[in-house]
N, C-alpha and C. Protein backbone atom coordinates (compact mmCIF):
# COMPACT_ATOMS: atom_id res chain seq x y z
N UNK A 1 -166.14 170.63 109.72
CA UNK A 1 -166.39 170.45 111.14
C UNK A 1 -165.04 170.32 111.85
N UNK A 2 -164.82 171.08 112.87
CA UNK A 2 -163.59 171.02 113.64
C UNK A 2 -163.55 169.73 114.44
N UNK A 3 -162.35 169.25 114.68
CA UNK A 3 -162.15 167.96 115.34
C UNK A 3 -162.88 167.88 116.67
N UNK A 4 -162.74 168.86 117.52
CA UNK A 4 -163.36 168.82 118.84
C UNK A 4 -164.88 168.85 118.77
N UNK A 5 -165.42 169.41 117.70
CA UNK A 5 -166.87 169.49 117.55
C UNK A 5 -167.46 168.15 117.10
N UNK A 6 -166.64 167.30 116.48
CA UNK A 6 -167.20 166.09 115.89
C UNK A 6 -167.82 165.16 116.91
N UNK A 7 -167.20 164.97 118.07
CA UNK A 7 -167.77 164.06 119.06
C UNK A 7 -169.07 164.62 119.64
N UNK A 8 -169.12 165.93 119.84
CA UNK A 8 -170.34 166.53 120.36
C UNK A 8 -171.47 166.50 119.33
N UNK A 9 -171.13 166.59 118.05
CA UNK A 9 -172.15 166.62 117.00
C UNK A 9 -172.49 165.24 116.46
N UNK A 10 -171.74 164.24 116.87
CA UNK A 10 -172.00 162.88 116.40
C UNK A 10 -173.31 162.36 116.98
N UNK A 11 -173.90 161.46 116.25
CA UNK A 11 -175.07 160.76 116.78
C UNK A 11 -174.63 160.04 118.06
N UNK A 12 -175.51 159.91 119.04
CA UNK A 12 -175.13 159.24 120.29
C UNK A 12 -174.54 157.84 120.08
N UNK A 13 -175.10 157.09 119.16
CA UNK A 13 -174.57 155.74 118.91
C UNK A 13 -173.16 155.80 118.33
N UNK A 14 -172.88 156.81 117.49
CA UNK A 14 -171.54 156.96 116.92
C UNK A 14 -170.56 157.36 118.00
N UNK A 15 -170.94 158.28 118.85
CA UNK A 15 -170.08 158.69 119.96
C UNK A 15 -169.81 157.51 120.89
N UNK A 16 -170.82 156.69 121.15
CA UNK A 16 -170.65 155.53 122.01
C UNK A 16 -169.70 154.52 121.37
N UNK A 17 -169.83 154.31 120.06
CA UNK A 17 -168.93 153.42 119.34
C UNK A 17 -167.49 153.93 119.42
N UNK A 18 -167.32 155.24 119.25
CA UNK A 18 -165.98 155.83 119.35
C UNK A 18 -165.39 155.59 120.74
N UNK A 19 -166.20 155.72 121.77
CA UNK A 19 -165.73 155.47 123.13
C UNK A 19 -165.34 154.00 123.30
N UNK A 20 -166.08 153.10 122.68
CA UNK A 20 -165.75 151.68 122.76
C UNK A 20 -164.38 151.41 122.12
N UNK A 21 -164.14 151.99 120.94
CA UNK A 21 -162.83 151.84 120.30
C UNK A 21 -161.73 152.43 121.19
N UNK A 22 -161.97 153.62 121.71
CA UNK A 22 -160.96 154.30 122.52
C UNK A 22 -160.63 153.53 123.80
N UNK A 23 -161.56 152.71 124.27
CA UNK A 23 -161.34 151.96 125.50
C UNK A 23 -160.45 150.73 125.29
N UNK A 24 -160.22 150.35 124.05
CA UNK A 24 -159.43 149.16 123.76
C UNK A 24 -157.96 149.53 123.59
N UNK A 25 -157.12 148.98 124.44
CA UNK A 25 -155.69 149.29 124.40
C UNK A 25 -154.89 148.30 123.55
N UNK A 26 -155.33 147.08 123.47
CA UNK A 26 -154.59 146.02 122.80
C UNK A 26 -155.07 145.87 121.36
N UNK A 27 -154.16 145.95 120.39
CA UNK A 27 -154.57 145.78 118.98
C UNK A 27 -155.30 144.47 118.72
N UNK A 28 -154.97 143.43 119.47
CA UNK A 28 -155.68 142.15 119.29
C UNK A 28 -157.15 142.30 119.67
N UNK A 29 -157.42 143.07 120.73
CA UNK A 29 -158.80 143.33 121.14
C UNK A 29 -159.54 144.15 120.08
N UNK A 30 -158.83 145.09 119.47
CA UNK A 30 -159.44 145.91 118.42
C UNK A 30 -159.80 145.03 117.22
N UNK A 31 -158.89 144.14 116.83
CA UNK A 31 -159.18 143.22 115.72
C UNK A 31 -160.40 142.36 116.05
N UNK A 32 -160.43 141.80 117.25
CA UNK A 32 -161.57 140.98 117.65
C UNK A 32 -162.87 141.78 117.58
N UNK A 33 -162.83 143.02 118.06
CA UNK A 33 -164.01 143.89 118.03
C UNK A 33 -164.42 144.17 116.59
N UNK A 34 -163.46 144.50 115.73
CA UNK A 34 -163.77 144.78 114.33
C UNK A 34 -164.38 143.56 113.63
N UNK A 35 -163.81 142.39 113.89
CA UNK A 35 -164.32 141.17 113.26
C UNK A 35 -165.75 140.88 113.72
N UNK A 36 -166.02 141.13 115.00
CA UNK A 36 -167.38 140.94 115.50
C UNK A 36 -168.34 142.00 114.98
N UNK A 37 -167.85 143.22 114.84
CA UNK A 37 -168.69 144.36 114.48
C UNK A 37 -169.02 144.41 112.99
N UNK A 38 -168.06 144.08 112.15
CA UNK A 38 -168.17 144.31 110.71
C UNK A 38 -168.36 143.01 109.94
N UNK A 39 -169.01 143.12 108.79
CA UNK A 39 -169.02 142.00 107.86
C UNK A 39 -167.63 141.93 107.22
N UNK A 40 -167.28 140.79 106.62
CA UNK A 40 -165.98 140.72 105.94
C UNK A 40 -165.81 141.82 104.88
N UNK A 41 -166.87 142.13 104.15
CA UNK A 41 -166.79 143.18 103.12
C UNK A 41 -166.56 144.56 103.75
N UNK A 42 -167.25 144.83 104.86
CA UNK A 42 -167.05 146.12 105.55
C UNK A 42 -165.63 146.25 106.07
N UNK A 43 -165.13 145.18 106.66
CA UNK A 43 -163.77 145.19 107.19
C UNK A 43 -162.74 145.38 106.08
N UNK A 44 -162.97 144.73 104.95
CA UNK A 44 -162.08 144.89 103.80
C UNK A 44 -162.11 146.33 103.30
N UNK A 45 -163.29 146.93 103.24
CA UNK A 45 -163.40 148.32 102.78
C UNK A 45 -162.66 149.26 103.72
N UNK A 46 -162.78 149.06 105.03
CA UNK A 46 -162.06 149.88 105.99
C UNK A 46 -160.56 149.72 105.84
N UNK A 47 -160.12 148.47 105.72
CA UNK A 47 -158.68 148.20 105.57
C UNK A 47 -158.15 148.79 104.28
N UNK A 48 -158.93 148.71 103.20
CA UNK A 48 -158.51 149.30 101.92
C UNK A 48 -158.31 150.80 102.05
N UNK A 49 -159.26 151.48 102.70
CA UNK A 49 -159.15 152.93 102.87
C UNK A 49 -157.92 153.27 103.68
N UNK A 50 -157.69 152.53 104.75
CA UNK A 50 -156.54 152.80 105.60
C UNK A 50 -155.23 152.57 104.84
N UNK A 51 -155.17 151.55 104.00
CA UNK A 51 -153.95 151.26 103.23
C UNK A 51 -153.59 152.39 102.29
N UNK A 52 -154.58 153.14 101.85
CA UNK A 52 -154.38 154.23 100.90
C UNK A 52 -153.80 155.47 101.58
N UNK A 53 -154.11 155.67 102.85
CA UNK A 53 -153.75 156.91 103.55
C UNK A 53 -152.25 157.23 103.48
N UNK A 54 -151.37 156.32 103.90
CA UNK A 54 -149.95 156.69 103.87
C UNK A 54 -149.43 156.95 102.46
N UNK A 55 -149.97 156.26 101.49
CA UNK A 55 -149.54 156.48 100.11
C UNK A 55 -149.94 157.86 99.62
N UNK A 56 -151.15 158.28 99.95
CA UNK A 56 -151.59 159.63 99.57
C UNK A 56 -150.75 160.70 100.26
N UNK A 57 -150.47 160.49 101.54
CA UNK A 57 -149.65 161.45 102.28
C UNK A 57 -148.25 161.56 101.68
N UNK A 58 -147.75 160.45 101.14
CA UNK A 58 -146.44 160.44 100.49
C UNK A 58 -146.49 161.07 99.09
N UNK A 59 -147.69 161.36 98.59
CA UNK A 59 -147.83 161.98 97.29
C UNK A 59 -147.86 161.02 96.12
N UNK A 60 -148.12 159.75 96.39
CA UNK A 60 -148.21 158.76 95.32
C UNK A 60 -149.46 159.05 94.48
N UNK A 61 -149.34 159.05 93.15
CA UNK A 61 -150.51 159.31 92.29
C UNK A 61 -151.61 158.25 92.46
N UNK A 62 -152.84 158.68 92.26
CA UNK A 62 -154.00 157.80 92.43
C UNK A 62 -153.85 156.50 91.64
N UNK A 63 -153.49 156.62 90.39
CA UNK A 63 -153.39 155.43 89.52
C UNK A 63 -152.34 154.47 90.06
N UNK A 64 -151.23 154.98 90.54
CA UNK A 64 -150.19 154.12 91.12
C UNK A 64 -150.68 153.43 92.38
N UNK A 65 -151.44 154.17 93.19
CA UNK A 65 -152.02 153.57 94.40
C UNK A 65 -152.95 152.43 94.01
N UNK A 66 -153.78 152.67 93.01
CA UNK A 66 -154.68 151.62 92.53
C UNK A 66 -153.89 150.39 92.08
N UNK A 67 -152.82 150.62 91.32
CA UNK A 67 -152.02 149.50 90.81
C UNK A 67 -151.32 148.75 91.95
N UNK A 68 -150.86 149.48 92.97
CA UNK A 68 -150.16 148.85 94.10
C UNK A 68 -151.10 148.09 95.03
N UNK A 69 -152.29 148.64 95.23
CA UNK A 69 -153.18 148.10 96.27
C UNK A 69 -154.41 147.37 95.74
N UNK A 70 -154.80 147.68 94.51
CA UNK A 70 -156.05 147.13 93.98
C UNK A 70 -157.27 147.92 94.42
N UNK A 71 -157.07 148.96 95.21
CA UNK A 71 -158.18 149.81 95.67
C UNK A 71 -158.61 150.68 94.50
N UNK A 72 -159.92 150.82 94.31
CA UNK A 72 -160.42 151.59 93.17
C UNK A 72 -159.98 153.04 93.24
N UNK A 73 -159.83 153.63 92.07
CA UNK A 73 -159.45 155.05 91.99
C UNK A 73 -160.52 155.91 92.66
N UNK A 74 -161.77 155.50 92.59
CA UNK A 74 -162.86 156.22 93.25
C UNK A 74 -162.65 156.25 94.77
N UNK A 75 -162.30 155.10 95.34
CA UNK A 75 -162.05 155.04 96.77
C UNK A 75 -160.81 155.85 97.14
N UNK A 76 -159.78 155.78 96.32
CA UNK A 76 -158.59 156.58 96.56
C UNK A 76 -158.97 158.06 96.59
N UNK A 77 -159.80 158.49 95.65
CA UNK A 77 -160.25 159.88 95.61
C UNK A 77 -161.06 160.26 96.83
N UNK A 78 -161.89 159.35 97.29
CA UNK A 78 -162.70 159.62 98.49
C UNK A 78 -161.81 159.82 99.71
N UNK A 79 -160.81 158.95 99.85
CA UNK A 79 -159.89 159.08 100.98
C UNK A 79 -159.11 160.39 100.86
N UNK A 80 -158.69 160.72 99.66
CA UNK A 80 -157.95 161.98 99.44
C UNK A 80 -158.80 163.18 99.84
N UNK A 81 -160.08 163.16 99.49
CA UNK A 81 -160.97 164.27 99.87
C UNK A 81 -161.07 164.38 101.39
N UNK A 82 -161.15 163.25 102.06
CA UNK A 82 -161.20 163.28 103.53
C UNK A 82 -159.90 163.80 104.11
N UNK A 83 -158.78 163.43 103.52
CA UNK A 83 -157.49 163.95 103.99
C UNK A 83 -157.43 165.47 103.83
N UNK A 84 -157.96 165.95 102.71
CA UNK A 84 -157.88 167.38 102.42
C UNK A 84 -158.96 168.21 103.11
N UNK A 85 -160.16 167.64 103.25
CA UNK A 85 -161.30 168.44 103.72
C UNK A 85 -162.07 167.81 104.87
N UNK A 86 -161.57 166.71 105.41
CA UNK A 86 -162.29 166.01 106.47
C UNK A 86 -162.00 166.59 107.85
N UNK A 87 -162.21 165.80 108.85
CA UNK A 87 -162.07 166.24 110.24
C UNK A 87 -160.67 166.05 110.79
N UNK A 88 -159.79 165.42 110.03
CA UNK A 88 -158.42 165.19 110.48
C UNK A 88 -158.21 163.83 111.12
N UNK A 89 -159.22 163.00 111.07
CA UNK A 89 -159.11 161.68 111.70
C UNK A 89 -158.05 160.79 111.09
N UNK A 90 -157.98 160.76 109.76
CA UNK A 90 -156.95 159.95 109.11
C UNK A 90 -155.56 160.42 109.53
N UNK A 91 -155.33 161.72 109.49
CA UNK A 91 -154.00 162.25 109.81
C UNK A 91 -153.64 162.00 111.27
N UNK A 92 -154.59 162.15 112.17
CA UNK A 92 -154.33 161.89 113.59
C UNK A 92 -153.97 160.42 113.80
N UNK A 93 -154.73 159.53 113.18
CA UNK A 93 -154.45 158.10 113.32
C UNK A 93 -153.09 157.76 112.71
N UNK A 94 -152.78 158.34 111.57
CA UNK A 94 -151.50 158.07 110.93
C UNK A 94 -150.33 158.57 111.79
N UNK A 95 -150.48 159.76 112.36
CA UNK A 95 -149.43 160.30 113.25
C UNK A 95 -149.18 159.37 114.42
N UNK A 96 -150.25 158.95 115.05
CA UNK A 96 -150.10 158.08 116.24
C UNK A 96 -149.60 156.70 115.85
N UNK A 97 -150.07 156.20 114.72
CA UNK A 97 -149.62 154.89 114.24
C UNK A 97 -148.14 154.91 113.92
N UNK A 98 -147.72 155.98 113.23
CA UNK A 98 -146.31 156.12 112.85
C UNK A 98 -145.44 156.32 114.08
N UNK A 99 -145.91 157.09 115.05
CA UNK A 99 -145.15 157.34 116.27
C UNK A 99 -145.02 156.06 117.11
N UNK A 100 -146.03 155.20 117.02
CA UNK A 100 -146.01 153.97 117.80
C UNK A 100 -145.25 152.84 117.14
N UNK A 101 -144.86 153.02 115.89
CA UNK A 101 -144.14 151.95 115.16
C UNK A 101 -142.67 151.93 115.49
C-alpha cells in the first residue's frame, strides 16, 4: 500500500487516531496521550519496536539487537519486514526524529 493511500484506506477510527497524534506538537502531550491510550504492556511493545528501528537501519544483526535490547528476535523480524515491505511509516518517523535531534 502506498503511503498516501494508507490514510484513505484506513478504518475511520484509525484515521481519526492518526489525526489526534498529528495534532499534538509537544512530546510531553504525546507521552500523556500514549499513557492514557495504552496499557503498560502495549506501550512497552510499541517502545520495543521503535527501539529496534534505528538498529536495523544501521544493519545490526537480529541476534545482536536482541542481546542489546532484550526485544525478541521474532519482534525484530517483524519490524524488519515492515521496514522492507511496509508503508514507510518507520522510515518517515526515523527521518523526522533524526532531523529533529
